[in-house]
C-alpha atoms as a PDB file:
ATOM      1  CA  MET A   1       0.000   0.000   0.000  1.00  0.00           C
ATOM      2  CA  GLY A   2       1.321   3.433  -0.911  1.00  0.00           C
ATOM      3  CA  THR A   3       1.637   6.226   1.609  1.00  0.00           C
ATOM      4  CA  ILE A   4      -1.539   8.336   1.767  1.00  0.00           C
ATOM      5  CA  VAL A   5      -1.324  11.991   2.774  1.00  0.00           C
ATOM      6  CA  THR A   6      -3.911  14.757   2.782  1.00  0.00           C
ATOM      7  CA  ALA A   7      -3.272  18.178   1.282  1.00  0.00           C
ATOM      8  CA  ASN A   8      -4.884  21.413   0.162  1.00  0.00           C
ATOM      9  CA  GLN A   9      -4.759  22.056  -3.596  1.00  0.00           C
ATOM     10  CA  ASP A  10      -4.964  25.833  -3.202  1.00  0.00           C
ATOM     11  CA  THR A  11      -2.509  26.260  -0.325  1.00  0.00           C
ATOM     12  CA  PRO A  12      -0.356  23.132  -0.376  1.00  0.00           C
ATOM     13  CA  GLU A  13       1.578  22.342   2.771  1.00  0.00           C
ATOM     14  CA  PRO A  14       5.376  22.673   2.287  1.00  0.00           C
ATOM     15  CA  GLN A  15       6.042  19.306   3.916  1.00  0.00           C
ATOM     16  CA  ILE A  16       3.686  17.575   1.469  1.00  0.00           C
ATOM     17  CA  ILE A  17       5.413  19.218  -1.487  1.00  0.00           C
ATOM     18  CA  SER A  18       8.821  18.180  -0.138  1.00  0.00           C
ATOM     19  CA  LYS A  19       7.710  14.577   0.375  1.00  0.00           C
ATOM     20  CA  ALA A  20       6.191  14.332  -3.095  1.00  0.00           C
ATOM     21  CA  VAL A  21       9.240  15.912  -4.733  1.00  0.00           C
ATOM     22  CA  GLN A  22      11.491  13.362  -3.039  1.00  0.00           C
ATOM     23  CA  VAL A  23       9.329  10.460  -4.226  1.00  0.00           C
ATOM     24  CA  LEU A  24       9.166  11.771  -7.792  1.00  0.00           C
ATOM     25  CA  ALA A  25      12.858  12.683  -8.003  1.00  0.00           C
ATOM     26  CA  ASP A  26      13.719   9.140  -6.894  1.00  0.00           C
ATOM     27  CA  GLY A  27      11.756   7.678  -9.804  1.00  0.00           C
ATOM     28  CA  GLY A  28       8.577   7.023  -7.862  1.00  0.00           C
ATOM     29  CA  VAL A  29       4.937   7.188  -8.884  1.00  0.00           C
ATOM     30  CA  CYS A  30       2.467   9.573  -7.275  1.00  0.00           C
ATOM     31  CA  VAL A  31      -1.328   9.807  -7.388  1.00  0.00           C
ATOM     32  CA  MET A  32      -2.265  13.459  -7.148  1.00  0.00           C
ATOM     33  CA  PRO A  33      -5.249  15.777  -7.520  1.00  0.00           C
ATOM     34  CA  THR A  34      -5.574  18.221 -10.386  1.00  0.00           C
ATOM     35  CA  ASP A  35      -8.252  20.722 -11.288  1.00  0.00           C
ATOM     36  CA  SER A  36      -9.914  18.242 -13.662  1.00  0.00           C
ATOM     37  CA  VAL A  37      -9.564  14.682 -12.302  1.00  0.00           C
ATOM     38  CA  TYR A  38      -7.045  12.797 -10.191  1.00  0.00           C
ATOM     39  CA  GLY A  39      -3.891  11.768 -12.008  1.00  0.00           C
ATOM     40  CA  ILE A  40      -1.061   9.287 -11.613  1.00  0.00           C
ATOM     41  CA  GLY A  41       2.310  10.615 -12.627  1.00  0.00           C
ATOM     42  CA  CYS A  42       6.082  10.573 -12.557  1.00  0.00           C
ATOM     43  CA  ALA A  43       8.886  13.048 -13.174  1.00  0.00           C
ATOM     44  CA  VAL A  44      10.012  13.508 -16.770  1.00  0.00           C
ATOM     45  CA  PHE A  45      13.608  12.347 -16.970  1.00  0.00           C
ATOM     46  CA  ALA A  46      15.285   9.738 -19.150  1.00  0.00           C
ATOM     47  CA  ASN A  47      15.031   6.092 -18.109  1.00  0.00           C
ATOM     48  CA  ASN A  48      12.716   6.839 -15.195  1.00  0.00           C
ATOM     49  CA  PRO A  49      11.423   3.473 -13.896  1.00  0.00           C
ATOM     50  CA  GLY A  50       8.270   5.227 -12.721  1.00  0.00           C
ATOM     51  CA  HIS A  51       7.343   5.918 -16.341  1.00  0.00           C
ATOM     52  CA  GLU A  52       7.072   2.219 -17.179  1.00  0.00           C
ATOM     53  CA  ARG A  53       5.327   1.464 -13.886  1.00  0.00           C
ATOM     54  CA  ILE A  54       2.459   3.820 -14.735  1.00  0.00           C
ATOM     55  CA  PHE A  55       1.634   1.820 -17.866  1.00  0.00           C
ATOM     56  CA  ALA A  56       1.721  -1.423 -15.873  1.00  0.00           C
ATOM     57  CA  ILE A  57      -0.419  -0.049 -13.036  1.00  0.00           C
ATOM     58  CA  LYS A  58      -3.019   1.341 -15.448  1.00  0.00           C
ATOM     59  CA  GLU A  59      -2.882  -1.727 -17.722  1.00  0.00           C
ATOM     60  CA  ARG A  60      -2.412   0.702 -20.589  1.00  0.00           C
ATOM     61  CA  GLU A  61      -0.820  -0.027 -23.965  1.00  0.00           C
ATOM     62  CA  ARG A  62       2.776   1.171 -24.115  1.00  0.00           C
ATOM     63  CA  THR A  63       2.184   2.470 -27.650  1.00  0.00           C
ATOM     64  CA  GLN A  64       0.260   5.354 -26.087  1.00  0.00           C
ATOM     65  CA  THR A  65       2.067   8.264 -24.468  1.00  0.00           C
ATOM     66  CA  LEU A  66       1.329  10.302 -21.365  1.00  0.00           C
ATOM     67  CA  PRO A  67       0.390  13.999 -21.385  1.00  0.00           C
ATOM     68  CA  LEU A  68       2.875  16.254 -19.618  1.00  0.00           C
ATOM     69  CA  LEU A  69       1.986  18.835 -16.983  1.00  0.00           C
ATOM     70  CA  ILE A  70       4.055  22.030 -16.924  1.00  0.00           C
ATOM     71  CA  ALA A  71       4.103  24.865 -14.411  1.00  0.00           C
ATOM     72  CA  ASP A  72       3.875  28.011 -16.510  1.00  0.00           C
ATOM     73  CA  PRO A  73       2.226  28.918 -19.835  1.00  0.00           C
ATOM     74  CA  MET A  74       5.538  30.329 -21.056  1.00  0.00           C
ATOM     75  CA  ASP A  75       7.022  26.828 -20.783  1.00  0.00           C
ATOM     76  CA  LEU A  76       5.105  26.086 -23.971  1.00  0.00           C
ATOM     77  CA  LEU A  77       7.817  27.997 -25.818  1.00  0.00           C
ATOM     78  CA  ALA A  78      10.539  25.892 -24.192  1.00  0.00           C
ATOM     79  CA  TYR A  79       9.145  22.618 -25.520  1.00  0.00           C
ATOM     80  CA  GLY A  80       7.566  23.663 -28.798  1.00  0.00           C
ATOM     81  CA  SER A  81       8.805  25.230 -32.018  1.00  0.00           C
ATOM     82  CA  SER A  82       6.961  26.995 -34.838  1.00  0.00           C
ATOM     83  CA  LEU A  83       3.782  27.184 -32.775  1.00  0.00           C
ATOM     84  CA  PRO A  84       0.725  28.643 -34.539  1.00  0.00           C
ATOM     85  CA  GLN A  85      -0.580  31.909 -33.146  1.00  0.00           C
ATOM     86  CA  TRP A  86      -3.971  30.397 -32.340  1.00  0.00           C
ATOM     87  CA  MET A  87      -2.258  27.922 -30.018  1.00  0.00           C
ATOM     88  CA  MET A  88      -0.548  30.747 -28.163  1.00  0.00           C
ATOM     89  CA  ARG A  89      -3.923  32.495 -27.811  1.00  0.00           C
ATOM     90  CA  LEU A  90      -5.500  29.347 -26.384  1.00  0.00           C
ATOM     91  CA  ALA A  91      -2.691  28.960 -23.861  1.00  0.00           C
ATOM     92  CA  GLN A  92      -2.989  32.591 -22.832  1.00  0.00           C
ATOM     93  CA  GLU A  93      -6.768  32.338 -22.428  1.00  0.00           C
ATOM     94  CA  PHE A  94      -7.194  28.939 -20.780  1.00  0.00           C
ATOM     95  CA  TRP A  95      -3.967  28.213 -18.875  1.00  0.00           C
ATOM     96  CA  PRO A  96      -3.811  27.418 -16.050  1.00  0.00           C
ATOM     97  CA  GLY A  97      -6.849  25.284 -16.723  1.00  0.00           C
ATOM     98  CA  ALA A  98      -8.431  22.211 -18.280  1.00  0.00           C
ATOM     99  CA  LEU A  99      -6.911  22.568 -21.749  1.00  0.00           C
ATOM    100  CA  THR A 100      -4.395  20.107 -23.195  1.00  0.00           C
ATOM    101  CA  LEU A 101      -2.479  21.233 -26.282  1.00  0.00           C
ATOM    102  CA  VAL A 102      -0.764  18.771 -28.616  1.00  0.00           C
ATOM    103  CA  LEU A 103       2.502  20.050 -30.071  1.00  0.00           C
ATOM    104  CA  ASN A 104       3.440  18.472 -33.397  1.00  0.00           C
ATOM    105  CA  GLU A 105       7.165  18.954 -32.853  1.00  0.00           C
ATOM    106  CA  ALA A 106       8.466  18.874 -29.284  1.00  0.00           C
ATOM    107  CA  SER A 107      12.010  19.644 -28.159  1.00  0.00           C
ATOM    108  CA  HIS A 108      14.136  19.338 -25.012  1.00  0.00           C
ATOM    109  CA  LEU A 109      12.271  16.241 -23.806  1.00  0.00           C
ATOM    110  CA  PRO A 110      13.465  12.610 -23.529  1.00  0.00           C
ATOM    111  CA  LYS A 111      12.312  10.602 -26.542  1.00  0.00           C
ATOM    112  CA  GLU A 112      10.429   8.018 -24.495  1.00  0.00           C
ATOM    113  CA  TYR A 113       7.870  10.684 -23.573  1.00  0.00           C
ATOM    114  CA  LEU A 114       7.132  11.580 -27.203  1.00  0.00           C
ATOM    115  CA  LYS A 115       4.909   9.845 -29.710  1.00  0.00           C
ATOM    116  CA  ALA A 116       6.552   8.174 -32.694  1.00  0.00           C
ATOM    117  CA  ASP A 117       5.880  11.291 -34.776  1.00  0.00           C
ATOM    118  CA  GLY A 118       7.622  13.523 -32.210  1.00  0.00           C
ATOM    119  CA  SER A 119       4.454  15.106 -30.819  1.00  0.00           C
ATOM    120  CA  VAL A 120       3.577  15.629 -27.166  1.00  0.00           C
ATOM    121  CA  ALA A 121       0.549  16.824 -25.181  1.00  0.00           C
ATOM    122  CA  LEU A 122       1.062  19.629 -22.636  1.00  0.00           C
ATOM    123  CA  ARG A 123      -1.138  21.213 -19.975  1.00  0.00           C
ATOM    124  CA  VAL A 124      -0.784  23.789 -17.194  1.00  0.00           C
ATOM    125  CA  PRO A 125      -3.179  22.627 -14.461  1.00  0.00           C
ATOM    126  CA  ASN A 126      -5.108  25.083 -12.338  1.00  0.00           C
ATOM    127  CA  SER A 127      -3.698  23.506  -9.188  1.00  0.00           C
ATOM    128  CA  ASN A 128      -1.266  25.353  -6.957  1.00  0.00           C
ATOM    129  CA  LEU A 129      -0.221  22.012  -5.508  1.00  0.00           C
ATOM    130  CA  VAL A 130       0.730  20.410  -8.814  1.00  0.00           C
ATOM    131  CA  ARG A 131       2.427  23.527 -10.164  1.00  0.00           C
ATOM    132  CA  ALA A 132       4.451  23.770  -6.938  1.00  0.00           C
ATOM    133  CA  LEU A 133       5.564  20.160  -7.418  1.00  0.00           C
ATOM    134  CA  ILE A 134       6.666  20.840 -10.986  1.00  0.00           C
ATOM    135  CA  THR A 135       8.500  24.026 -10.017  1.00  0.00           C
ATOM    136  CA  ARG A 136      10.351  22.321  -7.160  1.00  0.00           C
ATOM    137  CA  LEU A 137      11.245  19.342  -9.346  1.00  0.00           C
ATOM    138  CA  GLY A 138      12.480  21.553 -12.152  1.00  0.00           C
ATOM    139  CA  MET A 139      10.891  19.337 -14.798  1.00  0.00           C
ATOM    140  CA  PRO A 140       7.430  18.406 -16.125  1.00  0.00           C
ATOM    141  CA  LEU A 141       5.286  15.585 -14.797  1.00  0.00           C
ATOM    142  CA  ALA A 142       4.099  12.792 -17.084  1.00  0.00           C
ATOM    143  CA  THR A 143       0.557  12.059 -15.954  1.00  0.00           C
ATOM    144  CA  THR A 144      -2.619  10.309 -16.920  1.00  0.00           C
ATOM    145  CA  SER A 145      -5.946   9.824 -15.197  1.00  0.00           C
ATOM    146  CA  ALA A 146      -5.754   7.765 -11.997  1.00  0.00           C
ATOM    147  CA  ASN A 147      -7.737   4.722 -13.065  1.00  0.00           C
ATOM    148  CA  ILE A 148      -7.326   1.383 -14.779  1.00  0.00           C
ATOM    149  CA  HIS A 149      -7.375   1.983 -18.537  1.00  0.00           C
ATOM    150  CA  GLY A 150     -10.981   2.178 -19.726  1.00  0.00           C
ATOM    151  CA  ALA A 151     -12.468   2.647 -16.252  1.00  0.00           C
ATOM    152  CA  PRO A 152     -14.009   5.930 -15.043  1.00  0.00           C
ATOM    153  CA  ALA A 153     -11.513   8.549 -13.913  1.00  0.00           C
ATOM    154  CA  ALA A 154     -11.147   9.178 -10.184  1.00  0.00           C
ATOM    155  CA  THR A 155     -12.608  12.543  -9.208  1.00  0.00           C
ATOM    156  CA  SER A 156     -11.660  12.420  -5.517  1.00  0.00           C
ATOM    157  CA  GLY A 157      -9.156  10.701  -3.296  1.00  0.00           C
ATOM    158  CA  THR A 158     -11.806   8.261  -2.094  1.00  0.00           C
ATOM    159  CA  THR A 159     -12.599   7.078  -5.642  1.00  0.00           C
ATOM    160  CA  VAL A 160      -9.026   6.081  -6.519  1.00  0.00           C
ATOM    161  CA  GLY A 161      -9.046   2.339  -7.227  1.00  0.00           C
ATOM    162  CA  THR A 162      -7.470  -0.289  -4.986  1.00  0.00           C
ATOM    163  CA  LYS A 163      -4.725  -1.270  -7.445  1.00  0.00           C
ATOM    164  CA  LEU A 164      -3.508   2.314  -7.707  1.00  0.00           C
ATOM    165  CA  LEU A 165      -3.578   2.747  -3.933  1.00  0.00           C
ATOM    166  CA  GLU A 166      -1.533  -0.424  -3.540  1.00  0.00           C
ATOM    167  CA  GLN A 167       1.051   0.175  -6.255  1.00  0.00           C
ATOM    168  CA  ALA A 168       1.658   3.948  -6.255  1.00  0.00           C
ATOM    169  CA  ASP A 169       4.368   5.151  -3.886  1.00  0.00           C
ATOM    170  CA  LEU A 170       2.470   8.218  -2.686  1.00  0.00           C
ATOM    171  CA  ILE A 171      -1.201   9.189  -2.819  1.00  0.00           C
ATOM    172  CA  ILE A 172      -2.102  12.836  -2.213  1.00  0.00           C
ATOM    173  CA  ASP A 173      -5.742  13.195  -1.201  1.00  0.00           C
ATOM    174  CA  ALA A 174      -7.047  16.748  -1.551  1.00  0.00           C
ATOM    175  CA  GLY A 175     -10.737  15.928  -1.619  1.00  0.00           C
ATOM    176  CA  PRO A 176     -12.947  16.279  -4.715  1.00  0.00           C
ATOM    177  CA  ALA A 177     -11.386  17.609  -7.926  1.00  0.00           C
ATOM    178  CA  PRO A 178     -12.967  21.034  -8.630  1.00  0.00           C
ATOM    179  CA  LEU A 179     -14.108  20.269 -12.181  1.00  0.00           C
ATOM    180  CA  ALA A 180     -14.538  16.479 -11.957  1.00  0.00           C
ATOM    181  CA  ILE A 181     -14.272  16.256 -15.755  1.00  0.00           C
ATOM    182  CA  ALA A 182     -11.311  15.646 -18.029  1.00  0.00           C
ATOM    183  CA  SER A 183      -9.560  18.409 -19.960  1.00  0.00           C
ATOM    184  CA  THR A 184     -10.338  19.364 -23.542  1.00  0.00           C
ATOM    185  CA  ILE A 185      -7.595  18.180 -25.911  1.00  0.00           C
ATOM    186  CA  VAL A 186      -6.727  20.300 -28.954  1.00  0.00           C
ATOM    187  CA  GLY A 187      -4.366  19.208 -31.696  1.00  0.00           C
ATOM    188  CA  GLN A 188      -3.898  20.569 -35.183  1.00  0.00           C
ATOM    189  CA  ARG A 189      -4.502  19.551 -38.768  1.00  0.00           C
ATOM    190  CA  ASP A 190      -3.149  21.551 -41.680  1.00  0.00           C
ATOM    191  CA  GLY A 191      -2.211  24.287 -39.230  1.00  0.00           C
ATOM    192  CA  GLN A 192      -5.742  24.633 -37.856  1.00  0.00           C
ATOM    193  CA  PRO A 193      -7.139  23.613 -34.443  1.00  0.00           C
ATOM    194  CA  LEU A 194      -8.570  20.115 -34.203  1.00  0.00           C
ATOM    195  CA  ILE A 195     -10.650  19.032 -31.202  1.00  0.00           C
ATOM    196  CA  LEU A 196      -9.393  15.586 -30.192  1.00  0.00           C
ATOM    197  CA  ARG A 197     -11.537  15.385 -27.068  1.00  0.00           C
ATOM    198  CA  GLU A 198     -14.141  17.772 -25.717  1.00  0.00           C
ATOM    199  CA  GLY A 199     -13.915  18.022 -21.953  1.00  0.00           C
ATOM    200  CA  ALA A 200     -14.271  20.830 -19.441  1.00  0.00           C
ATOM    201  CA  ILE A 201     -13.873  23.599 -22.052  1.00  0.00           C
ATOM    202  CA  PRO A 202     -16.559  23.598 -24.782  1.00  0.00           C
ATOM    203  CA  THR A 203     -15.530  23.352 -28.422  1.00  0.00           C
ATOM    204  CA  SER A 204     -17.305  26.642 -29.120  1.00  0.00           C
ATOM    205  CA  ASP A 205     -15.052  28.481 -26.650  1.00  0.00           C
ATOM    206  CA  ILE A 206     -11.928  26.921 -28.158  1.00  0.00           C
ATOM    207  CA  MET A 207     -12.882  27.906 -31.686  1.00  0.00           C
ATOM    208  CA  ARG A 208     -13.908  31.419 -30.646  1.00  0.00           C
ATOM    209  CA  VAL A 209     -10.561  32.170 -29.009  1.00  0.00           C
ATOM    210  CA  ALA A 210      -8.546  30.450 -31.750  1.00  0.00           C
ATOM    211  CA  ALA A 211     -10.222  32.627 -34.392  1.00  0.00           C
ATOM    212  CA  GLN A 212      -9.501  35.955 -32.680  1.00  0.00           C
END
């Protein structure tokens, strides 16, 4: 059974951040709250054993990749190149928040975190706790919803499944996730926005901001 701690997403306790940073920096796996749903994640560094463990815990195909959480909207520029202006507008409008952006060409990231075509999904969560973790770590977090693949996502600490509680190293319980719905995922086709999944942010809002 992993260690379970309670925390406040808005005003995270320093000792909780320190404990989680230590677990993640050592290659561990952490279940954590976000603004959308609970996630299971690891630090993004090469050959991190926690990365492979997440796929095993979730029973998820290794051919899929994990979205990355970053701390600041400006970090988009650090990992992406030749970004369309509409993508920058979306980041400015909806980050921090429940928007995941798929970059066609990512840079400065270990290859095992990228899809075969070199793309990667990024999000800045509206969670002071998670952003504090990322800032202290000095690197993104590779995360996915805290559930067995195909099962409903956990929206509170009490709905995290038994297997995840047993096999994650640390579980941070901050009560119900504020939105309790997954993020909206936006990619691109022929340079234009493409809705890959509609979640917390409606498609109409995405298209309105992208067209400005």
